[in-house]
Amino acid sequence: METRVAVISIIVEKSDTVEELNSLLHEYGEYIIGRMGIPYRKKGINIISVAIDAPQNTISALSGRIGRLEGVSVKTAYSGVICNE
């Protein structure tokens, strides 16, 4: 199976969605290398970066599901390295 490394950048503007976001990230936990969350209290938002190593369609599926959450913005940056596992 071919996998890629990517970073999913997430900005959460509505704190009510945090629980649903965490549930999604937990669901894809086997692929997550690490994550970092920064609360930006001055602006009332949370900034989250998730490093992931997964098949392309899995990364796209997770990004799409996150992007459908209300009050959440997401962008994904992909590494050019493709590995066979």
PDB file of N, CA and C in Angstrom:
ATOM      1  N   MET A   1       0.845  -1.176   0.000  1.00  0.00           N
ATOM      2  CA  MET A   1       0.000   0.000   0.000  1.00  0.00           C
ATOM      3  C   MET A   1       0.891   1.240   0.000  1.00  0.00           C
ATOM      4  N   GLU A   2       0.593   2.161  -0.888  1.00  0.00           N
ATOM      5  CA  GLU A   2       1.354   3.411  -0.968  1.00  0.00           C
ATOM      6  C   GLU A   2       0.819   4.412   0.050  1.00  0.00           C
ATOM      7  N   THR A   3       1.727   5.062   0.763  1.00  0.00           N
ATOM      8  CA  THR A   3       1.322   6.098   1.714  1.00  0.00           C
ATOM      9  C   THR A   3       2.087   7.385   1.419  1.00  0.00           C
ATOM     10  N   ARG A   4       1.515   8.470   1.895  1.00  0.00           N
ATOM     11  CA  ARG A   4       2.153   9.784   1.784  1.00  0.00           C
ATOM     12  C   ARG A   4       2.158  10.439   3.157  1.00  0.00           C
ATOM     13  N   VAL A   5       3.100  11.314   3.337  1.00  0.00           N
ATOM     14  CA  VAL A   5       3.140  12.115   4.553  1.00  0.00           C
ATOM     15  C   VAL A   5       2.529  13.469   4.214  1.00  0.00           C
ATOM     16  N   ALA A   6       1.679  13.946   5.109  1.00  0.00           N
ATOM     17  CA  ALA A   6       1.019  15.233   4.889  1.00  0.00           C
ATOM     18  C   ALA A   6       0.847  15.940   6.223  1.00  0.00           C
ATOM     19  N   VAL A   7       0.603  17.234   6.141  1.00  0.00           N
ATOM     20  CA  VAL A   7       0.258  18.024   7.315  1.00  0.00           C
ATOM     21  C   VAL A   7      -1.111  18.634   7.054  1.00  0.00           C
ATOM     22  N   ILE A   8      -2.033  18.364   7.965  1.00  0.00           N
ATOM     23  CA  ILE A   8      -3.377  18.927   7.870  1.00  0.00           C
ATOM     24  C   ILE A   8      -3.435  20.106   8.841  1.00  0.00           C
ATOM     25  N   SER A   9      -3.696  21.293   8.303  1.00  0.00           N
ATOM     26  CA  SER A   9      -3.796  22.499   9.125  1.00  0.00           C
ATOM     27  C   SER A   9      -5.266  22.828   9.325  1.00  0.00           C
ATOM     28  N   ILE A  10      -5.635  23.030  10.580  1.00  0.00           N
ATOM     29  CA  ILE A  10      -7.042  23.216  10.932  1.00  0.00           C
ATOM     30  C   ILE A  10      -7.190  24.481  11.767  1.00  0.00           C
ATOM     31  N   ILE A  11      -8.188  25.297  11.448  1.00  0.00           N
ATOM     32  CA  ILE A  11      -8.542  26.446  12.280  1.00  0.00           C
ATOM     33  C   ILE A  11      -9.981  26.257  12.726  1.00  0.00           C
ATOM     34  N   VAL A  12     -10.168  26.239  14.032  1.00  0.00           N
ATOM     35  CA  VAL A  12     -11.496  26.038  14.613  1.00  0.00           C
ATOM     36  C   VAL A  12     -11.996  27.378  15.143  1.00  0.00           C
ATOM     37  N   GLU A  13     -13.091  27.857  14.563  1.00  0.00           N
ATOM     38  CA  GLU A  13     -13.665  29.135  14.973  1.00  0.00           C
ATOM     39  C   GLU A  13     -14.867  28.957  15.891  1.00  0.00           C
ATOM     40  N   LYS A  14     -15.457  27.763  15.915  1.00  0.00           N
ATOM     41  CA  LYS A  14     -16.615  27.486  16.783  1.00  0.00           C
ATOM     42  C   LYS A  14     -16.235  26.360  17.734  1.00  0.00           C
ATOM     43  N   SER A  15     -16.122  26.675  19.001  1.00  0.00           N
ATOM     44  CA  SER A  15     -15.659  25.686  19.973  1.00  0.00           C
ATOM     45  C   SER A  15     -16.621  24.507  20.140  1.00  0.00           C
ATOM     46  N   ASP A  16     -17.886  24.653  19.696  1.00  0.00           N
ATOM     47  CA  ASP A  16     -18.833  23.538  19.819  1.00  0.00           C
ATOM     48  C   ASP A  16     -18.419  22.352  18.953  1.00  0.00           C
ATOM     49  N   THR A  17     -17.580  22.581  17.940  1.00  0.00           N
ATOM     50  CA  THR A  17     -17.199  21.502  17.031  1.00  0.00           C
ATOM     51  C   THR A  17     -15.960  20.737  17.486  1.00  0.00           C
ATOM     52  N   VAL A  18     -15.324  21.175  18.550  1.00  0.00           N
ATOM     53  CA  VAL A  18     -14.077  20.553  18.997  1.00  0.00           C
ATOM     54  C   VAL A  18     -14.271  19.075  19.339  1.00  0.00           C
ATOM     55  N   GLU A  19     -15.355  18.743  19.997  1.00  0.00           N
ATOM     56  CA  GLU A  19     -15.600  17.347  20.365  1.00  0.00           C
ATOM     57  C   GLU A  19     -15.742  16.463  19.124  1.00  0.00           C
ATOM     58  N   GLU A  20     -16.476  16.938  18.135  1.00  0.00           N
ATOM     59  CA  GLU A  20     -16.649  16.176  16.895  1.00  0.00           C
ATOM     60  C   GLU A  20     -15.324  16.061  16.133  1.00  0.00           C
ATOM     61  N   LEU A  21     -14.528  17.132  16.126  1.00  0.00           N
ATOM     62  CA  LEU A  21     -13.222  17.104  15.488  1.00  0.00           C
ATOM     63  C   LEU A  21     -12.318  16.080  16.173  1.00  0.00           C
ATOM     64  N   ASN A  22     -12.274  16.104  17.494  1.00  0.00           N
ATOM     65  CA  ASN A  22     -11.448  15.145  18.226  1.00  0.00           C
ATOM     66  C   ASN A  22     -11.890  13.708  17.960  1.00  0.00           C
ATOM     67  N   SER A  23     -13.172  13.492  17.812  1.00  0.00           N
ATOM     68  CA  SER A  23     -13.693  12.167  17.498  1.00  0.00           C
ATOM     69  C   SER A  23     -13.194  11.704  16.127  1.00  0.00           C
ATOM     70  N   LEU A  24     -13.220  12.605  15.153  1.00  0.00           N
ATOM     71  CA  LEU A  24     -12.704  12.271  13.817  1.00  0.00           C
ATOM     72  C   LEU A  24     -11.215  11.941  13.862  1.00  0.00           C
ATOM     73  N   LEU A  25     -10.450  12.758  14.572  1.00  0.00           N
ATOM     74  CA  LEU A  25      -9.014  12.515  14.667  1.00  0.00           C
ATOM     75  C   LEU A  25      -8.736  11.182  15.365  1.00  0.00           C
ATOM     76  N   HIS A  26      -9.524  10.858  16.363  1.00  0.00           N
ATOM     77  CA  HIS A  26      -9.372   9.577  17.056  1.00  0.00           C
ATOM     78  C   HIS A  26      -9.655   8.413  16.096  1.00  0.00           C
ATOM     79  N   GLU A  27     -10.670   8.580  15.253  1.00  0.00           N
ATOM     80  CA  GLU A  27     -11.042   7.553  14.273  1.00  0.00           C
ATOM     81  C   GLU A  27      -9.884   7.247  13.313  1.00  0.00           C
ATOM     82  N   TYR A  28      -9.090   8.258  12.974  1.00  0.00           N
ATOM     83  CA  TYR A  28      -7.961   8.092  12.058  1.00  0.00           C
ATOM     84  C   TYR A  28      -6.627   7.996  12.810  1.00  0.00           C
ATOM     85  N   GLY A  29      -6.690   7.725  14.089  1.00  0.00           N
ATOM     86  CA  GLY A  29      -5.517   7.726  14.953  1.00  0.00           C
ATOM     87  C   GLY A  29      -4.383   6.820  14.517  1.00  0.00           C
ATOM     88  N   GLU A  30      -4.686   5.706  13.874  1.00  0.00           N
ATOM     89  CA  GLU A  30      -3.636   4.775  13.458  1.00  0.00           C
ATOM     90  C   GLU A  30      -2.694   5.395  12.424  1.00  0.00           C
ATOM     91  N   TYR A  31      -3.134   6.442  11.736  1.00  0.00           N
ATOM     92  CA  TYR A  31      -2.323   7.091  10.705  1.00  0.00           C
ATOM     93  C   TYR A  31      -1.627   8.354  11.202  1.00  0.00           C
ATOM     94  N   ILE A  32      -2.052   8.872  12.335  1.00  0.00           N
ATOM     95  CA  ILE A  32      -1.536  10.153  12.819  1.00  0.00           C
ATOM     96  C   ILE A  32      -0.169   9.980  13.468  1.00  0.00           C
ATOM     97  N   ILE A  33       0.795  10.761  12.974  1.00  0.00           N
ATOM     98  CA  ILE A  33       2.151  10.752  13.525  1.00  0.00           C
ATOM     99  C   ILE A  33       2.182  11.601  14.789  1.00  0.00           C
ATOM    100  N   GLY A  34       1.547  12.747  14.735  1.00  0.00           N
ATOM    101  CA  GLY A  34       1.504  13.655  15.879  1.00  0.00           C
ATOM    102  C   GLY A  34       0.601  14.837  15.580  1.00  0.00           C
ATOM    103  N   ARG A  35       0.246  15.538  16.625  1.00  0.00           N
ATOM    104  CA  ARG A  35      -0.595  16.720  16.441  1.00  0.00           C
ATOM    105  C   ARG A  35      -0.235  17.775  17.466  1.00  0.00           C
ATOM    106  N   MET A  36      -0.497  19.029  17.096  1.00  0.00           N
ATOM    107  CA  MET A  36      -0.204  20.150  17.983  1.00  0.00           C
ATOM    108  C   MET A  36      -1.379  21.110  17.914  1.00  0.00           C
ATOM    109  N   GLY A  37      -1.875  21.500  19.057  1.00  0.00           N
ATOM    110  CA  GLY A  37      -2.974  22.444  19.112  1.00  0.00           C
ATOM    111  C   GLY A  37      -2.566  23.697  19.866  1.00  0.00           C
ATOM    112  N   ILE A  38      -2.930  24.829  19.321  1.00  0.00           N
ATOM    113  CA  ILE A  38      -2.596  26.112  19.946  1.00  0.00           C
ATOM    114  C   ILE A  38      -3.876  26.926  20.103  1.00  0.00           C
ATOM    115  N   PRO A  39      -4.298  27.168  21.337  1.00  0.00           N
ATOM    116  CA  PRO A  39      -5.453  28.052  21.524  1.00  0.00           C
ATOM    117  C   PRO A  39      -5.005  29.506  21.371  1.00  0.00           C
ATOM    118  N   TYR A  40      -5.652  30.231  20.500  1.00  0.00           N
ATOM    119  CA  TYR A  40      -5.341  31.648  20.307  1.00  0.00           C
ATOM    120  C   TYR A  40      -6.475  32.421  20.963  1.00  0.00           C
ATOM    121  N   ARG A  41      -6.356  32.594  22.274  1.00  0.00           N
ATOM    122  CA  ARG A  41      -7.437  33.163  23.085  1.00  0.00           C
ATOM    123  C   ARG A  41      -7.815  34.582  22.665  1.00  0.00           C
ATOM    124  N   LYS A  42      -6.822  35.357  22.258  1.00  0.00           N
ATOM    125  CA  LYS A  42      -7.080  36.746  21.854  1.00  0.00           C
ATOM    126  C   LYS A  42      -8.098  36.817  20.707  1.00  0.00           C
ATOM    127  N   LYS A  43      -8.043  35.845  19.798  1.00  0.00           N
ATOM    128  CA  LYS A  43      -8.953  35.819  18.652  1.00  0.00           C
ATOM    129  C   LYS A  43     -10.106  34.836  18.838  1.00  0.00           C
ATOM    130  N   GLY A  44     -10.045  34.032  19.902  1.00  0.00           N
ATOM    131  CA  GLY A  44     -11.119  33.078  20.177  1.00  0.00           C
ATOM    132  C   GLY A  44     -11.148  31.895  19.218  1.00  0.00           C
ATOM    133  N   ILE A  45      -9.965  31.501  18.714  1.00  0.00           N
ATOM    134  CA  ILE A  45      -9.883  30.370  17.795  1.00  0.00           C
ATOM    135  C   ILE A  45      -8.848  29.366  18.288  1.00  0.00           C
ATOM    136  N   ASN A  46      -8.866  28.185  17.691  1.00  0.00           N
ATOM    137  CA  ASN A  46      -7.852  27.166  17.951  1.00  0.00           C
ATOM    138  C   ASN A  46      -7.179  26.816  16.632  1.00  0.00           C
ATOM    139  N   ILE A  47      -5.865  26.682  16.677  1.00  0.00           N
ATOM    140  CA  ILE A  47      -5.073  26.339  15.504  1.00  0.00           C
ATOM    141  C   ILE A  47      -4.471  24.964  15.759  1.00  0.00           C
ATOM    142  N   ILE A  48      -4.724  24.025  14.850  1.00  0.00           N
ATOM    143  CA  ILE A  48      -4.288  22.643  15.043  1.00  0.00           C
ATOM    144  C   ILE A  48      -3.529  22.183  13.804  1.00  0.00           C
ATOM    145  N   SER A  49      -2.382  21.532  14.017  1.00  0.00           N
ATOM    146  CA  SER A  49      -1.621  20.905  12.935  1.00  0.00           C
ATOM    147  C   SER A  49      -1.563  19.412  13.215  1.00  0.00           C
ATOM    148  N   VAL A  50      -1.853  18.617  12.192  1.00  0.00           N
ATOM    149  CA  VAL A  50      -1.831  17.161  12.333  1.00  0.00           C
ATOM    150  C   VAL A  50      -0.891  16.599  11.268  1.00  0.00           C
ATOM    151  N   ALA A  51       0.157  15.892  11.707  1.00  0.00           N
ATOM    152  CA  ALA A  51       1.053  15.194  10.781  1.00  0.00           C
ATOM    153  C   ALA A  51       0.517  13.782  10.611  1.00  0.00           C
ATOM    154  N   ILE A  52       0.409  13.339   9.357  1.00  0.00           N
ATOM    155  CA  ILE A  52      -0.226  12.059   9.064  1.00  0.00           C
ATOM    156  C   ILE A  52       0.557  11.308   7.984  1.00  0.00           C
ATOM    157  N   ASP A  53       0.603   9.993   8.101  1.00  0.00           N
ATOM    158  CA  ASP A  53       1.219   9.115   7.104  1.00  0.00           C
ATOM    159  C   ASP A  53       0.166   8.078   6.742  1.00  0.00           C
ATOM    160  N   ALA A  54      -0.439   8.223   5.565  1.00  0.00           N
ATOM    161  CA  ALA A  54      -1.583   7.385   5.195  1.00  0.00           C
ATOM    162  C   ALA A  54      -1.717   7.336   3.674  1.00  0.00           C
ATOM    163  N   PRO A  55      -2.538   6.417   3.173  1.00  0.00           N
ATOM    164  CA  PRO A  55      -2.837   6.430   1.742  1.00  0.00           C
ATOM    165  C   PRO A  55      -3.503   7.753   1.353  1.00  0.00           C
ATOM    166  N   GLN A  56      -3.265   8.175   0.122  1.00  0.00           N
ATOM    167  CA  GLN A  56      -3.802   9.447  -0.380  1.00  0.00           C
ATOM    168  C   GLN A  56      -5.309   9.574  -0.143  1.00  0.00           C
ATOM    169  N   ASN A  57      -6.066   8.521  -0.432  1.00  0.00           N
ATOM    170  CA  ASN A  57      -7.526   8.613  -0.284  1.00  0.00           C
ATOM    171  C   ASN A  57      -7.947   8.744   1.173  1.00  0.00           C
ATOM    172  N   THR A  58      -7.172   8.194   2.086  1.00  0.00           N
ATOM    173  CA  THR A  58      -7.475   8.317   3.518  1.00  0.00           C
ATOM    174  C   THR A  58      -7.254   9.756   3.986  1.00  0.00           C
ATOM    175  N   ILE A  59      -6.153  10.357   3.541  1.00  0.00           N
ATOM    176  CA  ILE A  59      -5.863  11.748   3.901  1.00  0.00           C
ATOM    177  C   ILE A  59      -6.954  12.667   3.348  1.00  0.00           C
ATOM    178  N   SER A  60      -7.326  12.440   2.092  1.00  0.00           N
ATOM    179  CA  SER A  60      -8.373  13.256   1.464  1.00  0.00           C
ATOM    180  C   SER A  60      -9.712  13.092   2.170  1.00  0.00           C
ATOM    181  N   ALA A  61     -10.029  11.850   2.564  1.00  0.00           N
ATOM    182  CA  ALA A  61     -11.294  11.593   3.256  1.00  0.00           C
ATOM    183  C   ALA A  61     -11.343  12.320   4.596  1.00  0.00           C
ATOM    184  N   LEU A  62     -10.241  12.253   5.355  1.00  0.00           N
ATOM    185  CA  LEU A  62     -10.198  12.929   6.652  1.00  0.00           C
ATOM    186  C   LEU A  62     -10.308  14.439   6.466  1.00  0.00           C
ATOM    187  N   SER A  63      -9.546  14.992   5.533  1.00  0.00           N
ATOM    188  CA  SER A  63      -9.606  16.440   5.285  1.00  0.00           C
ATOM    189  C   SER A  63     -11.009  16.873   4.889  1.00  0.00           C
ATOM    190  N   GLY A  64     -11.648  16.095   4.038  1.00  0.00           N
ATOM    191  CA  GLY A  64     -13.005  16.416   3.603  1.00  0.00           C
ATOM    192  C   GLY A  64     -13.999  16.384   4.742  1.00  0.00           C
ATOM    193  N   ARG A  65     -13.884  15.375   5.596  1.00  0.00           N
ATOM    194  CA  ARG A  65     -14.798  15.263   6.733  1.00  0.00           C
ATOM    195  C   ARG A  65     -14.589  16.418   7.709  1.00  0.00           C
ATOM    196  N   ILE A  66     -13.329  16.796   7.926  1.00  0.00           N
ATOM    197  CA  ILE A  66     -13.045  17.926   8.813  1.00  0.00           C
ATOM    198  C   ILE A  66     -13.604  19.213   8.209  1.00  0.00           C
ATOM    199  N   GLY A  67     -13.421  19.383   6.911  1.00  0.00           N
ATOM    200  CA  GLY A  67     -13.889  20.595   6.225  1.00  0.00           C
ATOM    201  C   GLY A  67     -15.395  20.779   6.252  1.00  0.00           C
ATOM    202  N   ARG A  68     -16.138  19.691   6.453  1.00  0.00           N
ATOM    203  CA  ARG A  68     -17.603  19.790   6.516  1.00  0.00           C
ATOM    204  C   ARG A  68     -18.109  20.180   7.906  1.00  0.00           C
ATOM    205  N   LEU A  69     -17.211  20.247   8.886  1.00  0.00           N
ATOM    206  CA  LEU A  69     -17.629  20.667  10.219  1.00  0.00           C
ATOM    207  C   LEU A  69     -17.892  22.175  10.213  1.00  0.00           C
ATOM    208  N   GLU A  70     -18.957  22.576  10.863  1.00  0.00           N
ATOM    209  CA  GLU A  70     -19.320  23.995  10.901  1.00  0.00           C
ATOM    210  C   GLU A  70     -18.292  24.790  11.703  1.00  0.00           C
ATOM    211  N   GLY A  71     -17.836  25.890  11.135  1.00  0.00           N
ATOM    212  CA  GLY A  71     -16.898  26.765  11.824  1.00  0.00           C
ATOM    213  C   GLY A  71     -15.464  26.265  11.806  1.00  0.00           C
ATOM    214  N   VAL A  72     -15.147  25.345  10.884  1.00  0.00           N
ATOM    215  CA  VAL A  72     -13.797  24.782  10.798  1.00  0.00           C
ATOM    216  C   VAL A  72     -13.263  24.981   9.383  1.00  0.00           C
ATOM    217  N   SER A  73     -12.015  25.462   9.290  1.00  0.00           N
ATOM    218  CA  SER A  73     -11.320  25.591   8.003  1.00  0.00           C
ATOM    219  C   SER A  73     -10.163  24.603   7.992  1.00  0.00           C
ATOM    220  N   VAL A  74      -9.903  23.994   6.835  1.00  0.00           N
ATOM    221  CA  VAL A  74      -8.840  22.987   6.750  1.00  0.00           C
ATOM    222  C   VAL A  74      -8.098  23.112   5.428  1.00  0.00           C
ATOM    223  N   LYS A  75      -6.791  22.916   5.481  1.00  0.00           N
ATOM    224  CA  LYS A  75      -5.935  22.861   4.288  1.00  0.00           C
ATOM    225  C   LYS A  75      -4.926  21.746   4.520  1.00  0.00           C
ATOM    226  N   THR A  76      -4.558  21.059   3.442  1.00  0.00           N
ATOM    227  CA  THR A  76      -3.624  19.943   3.557  1.00  0.00           C
ATOM    228  C   THR A  76      -2.429  20.190   2.633  1.00  0.00           C
ATOM    229  N   ALA A  77      -1.228  19.984   3.182  1.00  0.00           N
ATOM    230  CA  ALA A  77       0.014  20.080   2.401  1.00  0.00           C
ATOM    231  C   ALA A  77       0.617  18.674   2.345  1.00  0.00           C
ATOM    232  N   TYR A  78       0.898  18.202   1.133  1.00  0.00           N
ATOM    233  CA  TYR A  78       1.403  16.849   0.917  1.00  0.00           C
ATOM    234  C   TYR A  78       2.911  16.851   0.637  1.00  0.00           C
ATOM    235  N   SER A  79       3.571  15.845   1.170  1.00  0.00           N
ATOM    236  CA  SER A  79       4.971  15.599   0.828  1.00  0.00           C
ATOM    237  C   SER A  79       5.002  14.945  -0.552  1.00  0.00           C
ATOM    238  N   GLY A  80       6.075  15.148  -1.284  1.00  0.00           N
ATOM    239  CA  GLY A  80       6.232  14.497  -2.579  1.00  0.00           C
ATOM    240  C   GLY A  80       6.693  13.055  -2.451  1.00  0.00           C
ATOM    241  N   VAL A  81       7.050  12.637  -1.248  1.00  0.00           N
ATOM    242  CA  VAL A  81       7.561  11.284  -1.027  1.00  0.00           C
ATOM    243  C   VAL A  81       6.395  10.306  -0.900  1.00  0.00           C
ATOM    244  N   ILE A  82       6.414   9.276  -1.748  1.00  0.00           N
ATOM    245  CA  ILE A  82       5.410   8.218  -1.683  1.00  0.00           C
ATOM    246  C   ILE A  82       6.146   6.941  -1.302  1.00  0.00           C
ATOM    247  N   CYS A  83       5.667   6.258  -0.261  1.00  0.00           N
ATOM    248  CA  CYS A  83       6.326   5.054   0.242  1.00  0.00           C
ATOM    249  C   CYS A  83       5.408   3.851   0.089  1.00  0.00           C
ATOM    250  N   ASN A  84       5.997   2.711  -0.166  1.00  0.00           N
ATOM    251  CA  ASN A  84       5.248   1.451  -0.172  1.00  0.00           C
ATOM    252  C   ASN A  84       5.462   0.764   1.150  1.00  0.00           C
ATOM    253  N   GLU A  85       4.371   0.378   1.789  1.00  0.00           N
ATOM    254  CA  GLU A  85       4.489  -0.326   3.073  1.00  0.00           C
ATOM    255  C   GLU A  85       4.122  -1.763   2.900  1.00  0.00           C
TER     256      GLU A  85
END
